[in-house]
Amino acid sequence: MIRKNGVLFLSFFLATLFGAAAAQAKLGEIPKCEGKSGEALAIDNERVLRFKLTTPNQFLERARVEGRVVRILSSRPAHDHFEIQIGSKPQDTLEVVFNRDFGSPQAKVGDEVEACGDYITSNAPTPKYQPSPSGAIIHWVHENSRGGAHPDGFVVTNDRLLHGFGRQPIQVDASAGSSDSVKAPPSSGRVEPAPAPAPAPVPAPVVSKPGKNDGKPAKEKERRRPDLGRDDPEHQEFPRHGRSWRDWVDGDKS
């Protein structure tokens, strides 16, 4: 009995040790935010605000932004919706749509948030859906679990948690320097504005797990991801039943 208990204790100790080592290996890792051509995107709020002001409805581009949560929008079973301020004017807002298959950032008003994903201008109604309350959205702020060529996205909150890679967030080491854009609030409870981002080394991209589309012909992948805004079926296909755009996004299990 003593020997058996000793073996069980040793097994538990080794499992705990390796689990702690694996968790530590993740500490400080923030994935590369890729543009359409695979380039590393820096935080660029001004670029996204230009998109919002100058591009047509349903324009699609990759984006990386940071801002303060100013409004929690009604969430649905599939997605969280919250609005962040990314500029000095009241209208400089962007709606973040987070797929709850990857957990939830549980954002609160006043939180500082960094988001990487697909930007879409949504400033006017169409026969298919209603506009975003913010006039634009950023979604696919999570890893690409389907496989294929679509870049990963992510959300980092001011409590230094990385969301979008599994249901449990990853603690980010503030001293690692992978991302200086989002900082924890001071002890007073007041959230200070985020400083201007400094150039940072680009970490190795996170390798996505094989998805169900990996075995499909290249032609099928191109049909699903042409990266052409209004013609992108990844974002635009849904029934013509007068549903709001949020119903459409909530139907996306990406």
C-alpha atoms as a PDB file:
ATOM      1  CA  MET A   1       0.000   0.000   0.000  1.00  0.00           C
ATOM      2  CA  ILE A   2       2.817   2.415   0.899  1.00  0.00           C
ATOM      3  CA  ARG A   3       4.590   1.655  -2.350  1.00  0.00           C
ATOM      4  CA  LYS A   4       1.379   2.160  -4.341  1.00  0.00           C
ATOM      5  CA  ASN A   5       0.725   5.492  -2.646  1.00  0.00           C
ATOM      6  CA  GLY A   6       4.303   6.508  -3.334  1.00  0.00           C
ATOM      7  CA  VAL A   7       3.931   5.774  -7.040  1.00  0.00           C
ATOM      8  CA  LEU A   8       0.676   7.758  -7.187  1.00  0.00           C
ATOM      9  CA  PHE A   9       2.300  10.702  -5.394  1.00  0.00           C
ATOM     10  CA  LEU A  10       5.286  10.636  -7.768  1.00  0.00           C
ATOM     11  CA  SER A  11       2.986  10.556 -10.806  1.00  0.00           C
ATOM     12  CA  PHE A  12       0.962  13.486  -9.462  1.00  0.00           C
ATOM     13  CA  PHE A  13       4.155  15.449  -8.701  1.00  0.00           C
ATOM     14  CA  LEU A  14       5.574  14.908 -12.194  1.00  0.00           C
ATOM     15  CA  ALA A  15       2.281  15.848 -13.845  1.00  0.00           C
ATOM     16  CA  THR A  16       2.125  19.033 -11.771  1.00  0.00           C
ATOM     17  CA  LEU A  17       5.747  19.857 -12.581  1.00  0.00           C
ATOM     18  CA  PHE A  18       5.323  19.406 -16.329  1.00  0.00           C
ATOM     19  CA  GLY A  19       2.012  21.279 -16.271  1.00  0.00           C
ATOM     20  CA  ALA A  20       3.644  24.226 -14.516  1.00  0.00           C
ATOM     21  CA  ALA A  21       6.503  24.170 -17.027  1.00  0.00           C
ATOM     22  CA  ALA A  22       4.069  24.193 -19.943  1.00  0.00           C
ATOM     23  CA  ALA A  23       2.126  27.096 -18.430  1.00  0.00           C
ATOM     24  CA  GLN A  24       5.362  29.015 -17.845  1.00  0.00           C
ATOM     25  CA  ALA A  25       6.364  28.451 -21.481  1.00  0.00           C
ATOM     26  CA  LYS A  26       3.200  30.281 -22.546  1.00  0.00           C
ATOM     27  CA  LEU A  27       3.879  33.242 -20.290  1.00  0.00           C
ATOM     28  CA  GLY A  28       4.538  36.405 -22.254  1.00  0.00           C
ATOM     29  CA  GLU A  29       3.668  34.959 -25.659  1.00  0.00           C
ATOM     30  CA  ILE A  30       1.616  37.286 -27.846  1.00  0.00           C
ATOM     31  CA  PRO A  31       1.170  35.995 -31.405  1.00  0.00           C
ATOM     32  CA  LYS A  32       2.054  37.920 -34.505  1.00  0.00           C
ATOM     33  CA  CYS A  33      -0.815  39.988 -35.891  1.00  0.00           C
ATOM     34  CA  GLU A  34      -0.643  39.257 -39.614  1.00  0.00           C
ATOM     35  CA  GLY A  35      -1.810  41.426 -42.476  1.00  0.00           C
ATOM     36  CA  LYS A  36      -3.179  39.995 -45.711  1.00  0.00           C
ATOM     37  CA  SER A  37       0.311  39.459 -47.094  1.00  0.00           C
ATOM     38  CA  GLY A  38       1.667  37.919 -43.910  1.00  0.00           C
ATOM     39  CA  GLU A  39       3.365  41.098 -42.730  1.00  0.00           C
ATOM     40  CA  ALA A  40       3.394  41.914 -39.010  1.00  0.00           C
ATOM     41  CA  LEU A  41       0.877  44.643 -38.163  1.00  0.00           C
ATOM     42  CA  ALA A  42       1.686  47.259 -35.555  1.00  0.00           C
ATOM     43  CA  ILE A  43      -1.065  48.973 -33.576  1.00  0.00           C
ATOM     44  CA  ASP A  44      -2.425  51.662 -35.891  1.00  0.00           C
ATOM     45  CA  ASN A  45      -5.658  53.286 -34.723  1.00  0.00           C
ATOM     46  CA  GLU A  46      -5.358  56.149 -37.215  1.00  0.00           C
ATOM     47  CA  ARG A  47      -5.300  53.727 -40.151  1.00  0.00           C
ATOM     48  CA  VAL A  48      -8.490  52.055 -38.935  1.00  0.00           C
ATOM     49  CA  LEU A  49     -10.209  55.389 -38.354  1.00  0.00           C
ATOM     50  CA  ARG A  50      -9.375  56.332 -41.967  1.00  0.00           C
ATOM     51  CA  PHE A  51     -10.983  53.076 -43.082  1.00  0.00           C
ATOM     52  CA  LYS A  52     -14.085  53.936 -41.087  1.00  0.00           C
ATOM     53  CA  LEU A  53     -14.356  57.409 -42.626  1.00  0.00           C
ATOM     54  CA  THR A  54     -13.364  56.735 -46.234  1.00  0.00           C
ATOM     55  CA  THR A  55     -14.206  53.155 -47.208  1.00  0.00           C
ATOM     56  CA  PRO A  56     -17.520  51.810 -48.537  1.00  0.00           C
ATOM     57  CA  ASN A  57     -19.864  49.690 -46.506  1.00  0.00           C
ATOM     58  CA  GLN A  58     -18.590  46.104 -46.006  1.00  0.00           C
ATOM     59  CA  PHE A  59     -14.979  47.031 -46.765  1.00  0.00           C
ATOM     60  CA  LEU A  60     -12.692  44.331 -45.295  1.00  0.00           C
ATOM     61  CA  GLU A  61      -9.097  44.631 -44.078  1.00  0.00           C
ATOM     62  CA  ARG A  62      -6.844  43.204 -41.388  1.00  0.00           C
ATOM     63  CA  ALA A  63      -6.356  45.493 -38.369  1.00  0.00           C
ATOM     64  CA  ARG A  64      -4.681  45.829 -34.981  1.00  0.00           C
ATOM     65  CA  VAL A  65      -6.013  48.450 -32.588  1.00  0.00           C
ATOM     66  CA  GLU A  66      -6.071  49.406 -28.940  1.00  0.00           C
ATOM     67  CA  GLY A  67      -8.648  51.367 -26.984  1.00  0.00           C
ATOM     68  CA  ARG A  68     -10.775  51.752 -23.888  1.00  0.00           C
ATOM     69  CA  VAL A  69     -14.085  49.923 -23.470  1.00  0.00           C
ATOM     70  CA  VAL A  70     -16.841  52.558 -23.444  1.00  0.00           C
ATOM     71  CA  ARG A  71     -19.967  50.442 -23.878  1.00  0.00           C
ATOM     72  CA  ILE A  72     -21.044  46.835 -23.443  1.00  0.00           C
ATOM     73  CA  LEU A  73     -23.413  45.917 -26.255  1.00  0.00           C
ATOM     74  CA  SER A  74     -25.987  43.157 -25.985  1.00  0.00           C
ATOM     75  CA  SER A  75     -24.272  39.774 -26.181  1.00  0.00           C
ATOM     76  CA  ARG A  76     -25.713  36.724 -27.866  1.00  0.00           C
ATOM     77  CA  PRO A  77     -25.160  33.039 -27.039  1.00  0.00           C
ATOM     78  CA  ALA A  78     -22.378  32.791 -29.639  1.00  0.00           C
ATOM     79  CA  HIS A  79     -20.550  36.113 -29.294  1.00  0.00           C
ATOM     80  CA  ASP A  80     -19.647  38.946 -26.924  1.00  0.00           C
ATOM     81  CA  HIS A  81     -20.083  42.481 -28.276  1.00  0.00           C
ATOM     82  CA  PHE A  82     -18.442  45.560 -26.772  1.00  0.00           C
ATOM     83  CA  GLU A  83     -17.408  48.976 -28.051  1.00  0.00           C
ATOM     84  CA  ILE A  84     -13.946  50.495 -27.691  1.00  0.00           C
ATOM     85  CA  GLN A  85     -12.833  54.105 -28.141  1.00  0.00           C
ATOM     86  CA  ILE A  86      -9.778  54.235 -30.425  1.00  0.00           C
ATOM     87  CA  GLY A  87      -9.556  58.004 -31.021  1.00  0.00           C
ATOM     88  CA  SER A  88     -10.107  61.343 -29.322  1.00  0.00           C
ATOM     89  CA  LYS A  89     -13.538  62.047 -30.838  1.00  0.00           C
ATOM     90  CA  PRO A  90     -16.775  60.521 -29.512  1.00  0.00           C
ATOM     91  CA  GLN A  91     -17.421  58.843 -32.869  1.00  0.00           C
ATOM     92  CA  ASP A  92     -13.977  57.191 -32.965  1.00  0.00           C
ATOM     93  CA  THR A  93     -15.327  53.838 -31.840  1.00  0.00           C
ATOM     94  CA  LEU A  94     -15.116  50.248 -33.031  1.00  0.00           C
ATOM     95  CA  GLU A  95     -17.229  47.243 -32.098  1.00  0.00           C
ATOM     96  CA  VAL A  96     -15.338  44.131 -30.999  1.00  0.00           C
ATOM     97  CA  VAL A  97     -17.109  40.833 -31.719  1.00  0.00           C
ATOM     98  CA  PHE A  98     -15.604  37.913 -29.795  1.00  0.00           C
ATOM     99  CA  ASN A  99     -16.569  34.290 -30.513  1.00  0.00           C
ATOM    100  CA  ARG A 100     -17.481  32.629 -27.213  1.00  0.00           C
ATOM    101  CA  ASP A 101     -16.250  29.264 -28.466  1.00  0.00           C
ATOM    102  CA  PHE A 102     -12.920  30.703 -27.289  1.00  0.00           C
ATOM    103  CA  GLY A 103     -14.128  31.755 -23.842  1.00  0.00           C
ATOM    104  CA  SER A 104     -14.921  35.390 -23.058  1.00  0.00           C
ATOM    105  CA  PRO A 105     -12.802  38.478 -22.273  1.00  0.00           C
ATOM    106  CA  GLN A 106     -15.601  39.590 -19.898  1.00  0.00           C
ATOM    107  CA  ALA A 107     -14.824  43.197 -20.781  1.00  0.00           C
ATOM    108  CA  LYS A 108     -15.977  46.017 -18.498  1.00  0.00           C
ATOM    109  CA  VAL A 109     -16.354  49.735 -19.168  1.00  0.00           C
ATOM    110  CA  GLY A 110     -12.965  51.336 -18.556  1.00  0.00           C
ATOM    111  CA  ASP A 111     -10.909  48.274 -19.518  1.00  0.00           C
ATOM    112  CA  GLU A 112      -7.993  48.785 -21.890  1.00  0.00           C
ATOM    113  CA  VAL A 113      -8.131  46.337 -24.815  1.00  0.00           C
ATOM    114  CA  GLU A 114      -5.837  45.433 -27.697  1.00  0.00           C
ATOM    115  CA  ALA A 115      -7.483  43.572 -30.590  1.00  0.00           C
ATOM    116  CA  CYS A 116      -6.167  41.938 -33.766  1.00  0.00           C
ATOM    117  CA  GLY A 117      -8.559  40.586 -36.377  1.00  0.00           C
ATOM    118  CA  ASP A 118     -10.703  41.348 -39.431  1.00  0.00           C
ATOM    119  CA  TYR A 119     -11.949  44.938 -39.722  1.00  0.00           C
ATOM    120  CA  ILE A 120     -15.269  45.481 -41.577  1.00  0.00           C
ATOM    121  CA  THR A 121     -16.895  48.837 -42.306  1.00  0.00           C
ATOM    122  CA  SER A 122     -20.567  48.551 -41.309  1.00  0.00           C
ATOM    123  CA  ASN A 123     -22.010  52.057 -41.471  1.00  0.00           C
ATOM    124  CA  ALA A 124     -25.226  51.616 -43.474  1.00  0.00           C
ATOM    125  CA  PRO A 125     -28.109  49.157 -43.709  1.00  0.00           C
ATOM    126  CA  THR A 126     -28.338  46.801 -46.636  1.00  0.00           C
ATOM    127  CA  PRO A 127     -31.096  44.461 -47.804  1.00  0.00           C
ATOM    128  CA  LYS A 128     -29.291  41.773 -45.816  1.00  0.00           C
ATOM    129  CA  TYR A 129     -28.457  43.303 -42.414  1.00  0.00           C
ATOM    130  CA  GLN A 130     -28.406  46.389 -40.194  1.00  0.00           C
ATOM    131  CA  PRO A 131     -25.267  48.465 -39.540  1.00  0.00           C
ATOM    132  CA  SER A 132     -23.086  48.128 -36.470  1.00  0.00           C
ATOM    133  CA  PRO A 133     -23.925  50.580 -33.675  1.00  0.00           C
ATOM    134  CA  SER A 134     -20.278  51.708 -33.927  1.00  0.00           C
ATOM    135  CA  GLY A 135     -20.230  51.986 -37.720  1.00  0.00           C
ATOM    136  CA  ALA A 136     -17.475  49.351 -37.954  1.00  0.00           C
ATOM    137  CA  ILE A 137     -16.502  46.059 -36.363  1.00  0.00           C
ATOM    138  CA  ILE A 138     -13.443  43.931 -35.729  1.00  0.00           C
ATOM    139  CA  HIS A 139     -14.017  40.192 -35.444  1.00  0.00           C
ATOM    140  CA  TRP A 140     -12.179  36.890 -35.903  1.00  0.00           C
ATOM    141  CA  VAL A 141     -10.179  38.022 -32.843  1.00  0.00           C
ATOM    142  CA  HIS A 142      -9.126  34.443 -32.123  1.00  0.00           C
ATOM    143  CA  GLU A 143      -6.994  31.660 -33.571  1.00  0.00           C
ATOM    144  CA  ASN A 144      -7.925  30.020 -36.844  1.00  0.00           C
ATOM    145  CA  SER A 145      -9.186  26.663 -35.613  1.00  0.00           C
ATOM    146  CA  ARG A 146     -10.487  25.725 -39.077  1.00  0.00           C
ATOM    147  CA  GLY A 147      -7.082  25.487 -40.684  1.00  0.00           C
ATOM    148  CA  GLY A 148      -6.286  27.088 -44.010  1.00  0.00           C
ATOM    149  CA  ALA A 149      -4.634  30.416 -44.682  1.00  0.00           C
ATOM    150  CA  HIS A 150      -6.717  32.794 -42.535  1.00  0.00           C
ATOM    151  CA  PRO A 151      -4.461  34.593 -40.000  1.00  0.00           C
ATOM    152  CA  ASP A 152      -5.006  34.246 -36.267  1.00  0.00           C
ATOM    153  CA  GLY A 153      -6.411  37.102 -34.223  1.00  0.00           C
ATOM    154  CA  PHE A 154      -6.469  37.821 -30.498  1.00  0.00           C
ATOM    155  CA  VAL A 155      -7.629  40.099 -27.691  1.00  0.00           C
ATOM    156  CA  VAL A 156      -5.413  41.266 -24.817  1.00  0.00           C
ATOM    157  CA  THR A 157      -7.126  42.894 -21.821  1.00  0.00           C
ATOM    158  CA  ASN A 158      -5.641  45.275 -19.256  1.00  0.00           C
ATOM    159  CA  ASP A 159      -5.318  42.479 -16.702  1.00  0.00           C
ATOM    160  CA  ARG A 160      -2.606  41.117 -19.015  1.00  0.00           C
ATOM    161  CA  LEU A 161      -4.682  38.211 -20.282  1.00  0.00           C
ATOM    162  CA  LEU A 162      -4.471  36.948 -23.852  1.00  0.00           C
ATOM    163  CA  HIS A 163      -7.804  35.650 -25.202  1.00  0.00           C
ATOM    164  CA  GLY A 164      -8.592  33.681 -28.344  1.00  0.00           C
ATOM    165  CA  PHE A 165      -6.393  30.584 -28.017  1.00  0.00           C
ATOM    166  CA  GLY A 166      -8.571  28.060 -26.209  1.00  0.00           C
ATOM    167  CA  ARG A 167     -11.318  28.796 -23.723  1.00  0.00           C
ATOM    168  CA  GLN A 168      -8.899  29.680 -20.921  1.00  0.00           C
ATOM    169  CA  PRO A 169      -6.951  32.939 -21.281  1.00  0.00           C
ATOM    170  CA  ILE A 170      -3.154  32.972 -21.112  1.00  0.00           C
ATOM    171  CA  GLN A 171      -1.455  35.214 -18.549  1.00  0.00           C
ATOM    172  CA  VAL A 172       0.911  37.637 -20.274  1.00  0.00           C
ATOM    173  CA  ASP A 173       4.127  38.674 -18.556  1.00  0.00           C
ATOM    174  CA  ALA A 174       4.209  42.478 -18.500  1.00  0.00           C
ATOM    175  CA  SER A 175       8.019  42.420 -18.398  1.00  0.00           C
ATOM    176  CA  ALA A 176       8.316  40.233 -21.495  1.00  0.00           C
ATOM    177  CA  GLY A 177       7.991  43.223 -23.821  1.00  0.00           C
ATOM    178  CA  SER A 178       5.942  41.308 -26.394  1.00  0.00           C
ATOM    179  CA  SER A 179       3.272  43.989 -26.253  1.00  0.00           C
ATOM    180  CA  ASP A 180       3.641  47.310 -24.441  1.00  0.00           C
ATOM    181  CA  SER A 181       0.279  48.626 -25.560  1.00  0.00           C
ATOM    182  CA  VAL A 182      -2.035  47.310 -22.859  1.00  0.00           C
ATOM    183  CA  LYS A 183      -1.125  47.785 -19.216  1.00  0.00           C
ATOM    184  CA  ALA A 184      -2.738  46.858 -15.936  1.00  0.00           C
ATOM    185  CA  PRO A 185      -4.648  49.587 -14.089  1.00  0.00           C
ATOM    186  CA  PRO A 186      -2.844  51.236 -11.140  1.00  0.00           C
ATOM    187  CA  SER A 187      -3.742  50.368  -7.568  1.00  0.00           C
ATOM    188  CA  SER A 188      -5.987  53.418  -7.282  1.00  0.00           C
ATOM    189  CA  GLY A 189      -8.431  51.702  -9.610  1.00  0.00           C
ATOM    190  CA  ARG A 190      -8.183  54.459 -12.225  1.00  0.00           C
ATOM    191  CA  VAL A 191      -7.333  53.211 -15.711  1.00  0.00           C
ATOM    192  CA  GLU A 192      -4.628  55.364 -17.255  1.00  0.00           C
ATOM    193  CA  PRO A 193      -4.459  55.924 -21.027  1.00  0.00           C
ATOM    194  CA  ALA A 194      -2.194  53.439 -22.786  1.00  0.00           C
ATOM    195  CA  PRO A 195       1.191  54.858 -23.856  1.00  0.00           C
ATOM    196  CA  ALA A 196       2.250  55.060 -27.480  1.00  0.00           C
ATOM    197  CA  PRO A 197       3.438  51.634 -28.579  1.00  0.00           C
ATOM    198  CA  ALA A 198       7.172  51.108 -28.959  1.00  0.00           C
ATOM    199  CA  PRO A 199       8.605  48.909 -31.713  1.00  0.00           C
ATOM    200  CA  ALA A 200       8.754  45.353 -30.446  1.00  0.00           C
ATOM    201  CA  PRO A 201      10.345  42.177 -31.762  1.00  0.00           C
ATOM    202  CA  VAL A 202       7.944  40.003 -33.693  1.00  0.00           C
ATOM    203  CA  PRO A 203       7.400  36.673 -31.899  1.00  0.00           C
ATOM    204  CA  ALA A 204       7.114  33.433 -33.792  1.00  0.00           C
ATOM    205  CA  PRO A 205       3.544  32.891 -35.044  1.00  0.00           C
ATOM    206  CA  VAL A 206       1.351  30.451 -33.167  1.00  0.00           C
ATOM    207  CA  VAL A 207       0.847  27.311 -35.242  1.00  0.00           C
ATOM    208  CA  SER A 208      -2.831  26.544 -35.686  1.00  0.00           C
ATOM    209  CA  LYS A 209      -4.120  23.054 -35.069  1.00  0.00           C
ATOM    210  CA  PRO A 210      -5.131  21.124 -38.198  1.00  0.00           C
ATOM    211  CA  GLY A 211      -8.692  21.982 -39.129  1.00  0.00           C
ATOM    212  CA  LYS A 212     -11.414  20.130 -40.906  1.00  0.00           C
ATOM    213  CA  ASN A 213     -10.728  22.028 -44.167  1.00  0.00           C
ATOM    214  CA  ASP A 214      -7.046  21.091 -44.419  1.00  0.00           C
ATOM    215  CA  GLY A 215      -7.787  18.116 -46.658  1.00  0.00           C
ATOM    216  CA  LYS A 216      -9.991  20.062 -49.064  1.00  0.00           C
ATOM    217  CA  PRO A 217      -8.752  21.196 -52.488  1.00  0.00           C
ATOM    218  CA  ALA A 218      -7.146  24.611 -52.771  1.00  0.00           C
ATOM    219  CA  LYS A 219     -10.053  25.817 -54.890  1.00  0.00           C
ATOM    220  CA  GLU A 220     -12.459  25.299 -51.975  1.00  0.00           C
ATOM    221  CA  LYS A 221     -10.193  27.298 -49.629  1.00  0.00           C
ATOM    222  CA  GLU A 222      -9.992  30.148 -52.123  1.00  0.00           C
ATOM    223  CA  ARG A 223     -13.756  30.220 -52.381  1.00  0.00           C
ATOM    224  CA  ARG A 224     -14.059  30.511 -48.609  1.00  0.00           C
ATOM    225  CA  ARG A 225     -11.356  33.152 -48.224  1.00  0.00           C
ATOM    226  CA  PRO A 226     -10.824  35.469 -51.214  1.00  0.00           C
ATOM    227  CA  ASP A 227     -10.096  38.458 -48.894  1.00  0.00           C
ATOM    228  CA  LEU A 228     -12.200  40.747 -51.068  1.00  0.00           C
ATOM    229  CA  GLY A 229     -14.489  42.541 -48.610  1.00  0.00           C
ATOM    230  CA  ARG A 230     -18.006  42.610 -49.971  1.00  0.00           C
ATOM    231  CA  ASP A 231     -17.410  39.377 -51.939  1.00  0.00           C
ATOM    232  CA  ASP A 232     -16.009  37.428 -48.998  1.00  0.00           C
ATOM    233  CA  PRO A 233     -18.442  34.571 -48.228  1.00  0.00           C
ATOM    234  CA  GLU A 234     -16.731  34.076 -44.869  1.00  0.00           C
ATOM    235  CA  HIS A 235     -18.411  37.285 -43.743  1.00  0.00           C
ATOM    236  CA  GLN A 236     -21.231  38.053 -46.116  1.00  0.00           C
ATOM    237  CA  GLU A 237     -23.310  34.919 -46.799  1.00  0.00           C
ATOM    238  CA  PHE A 238     -26.525  34.526 -44.827  1.00  0.00           C
ATOM    239  CA  PRO A 239     -30.269  34.284 -45.625  1.00  0.00           C
ATOM    240  CA  ARG A 240     -32.294  37.258 -46.776  1.00  0.00           C
ATOM    241  CA  HIS A 241     -34.785  37.326 -43.898  1.00  0.00           C
ATOM    242  CA  GLY A 242     -34.295  40.841 -42.604  1.00  0.00           C
ATOM    243  CA  ARG A 243     -31.970  39.629 -39.832  1.00  0.00           C
ATOM    244  CA  SER A 244     -29.611  42.076 -38.205  1.00  0.00           C
ATOM    245  CA  TRP A 245     -25.875  41.849 -38.943  1.00  0.00           C
ATOM    246  CA  ARG A 246     -25.357  40.708 -35.325  1.00  0.00           C
ATOM    247  CA  ASP A 247     -27.606  37.688 -35.929  1.00  0.00           C
ATOM    248  CA  TRP A 248     -25.442  36.916 -38.934  1.00  0.00           C
ATOM    249  CA  VAL A 249     -22.207  37.175 -36.961  1.00  0.00           C
ATOM    250  CA  ASP A 250     -23.674  35.051 -34.155  1.00  0.00           C
ATOM    251  CA  GLY A 251     -24.431  32.372 -36.690  1.00  0.00           C
ATOM    252  CA  ASP A 252     -20.742  32.188 -37.627  1.00  0.00           C
ATOM    253  CA  LYS A 253     -19.064  29.375 -35.693  1.00  0.00           C
ATOM    254  CA  SER A 254     -15.598  30.392 -36.883  1.00  0.00           C
END
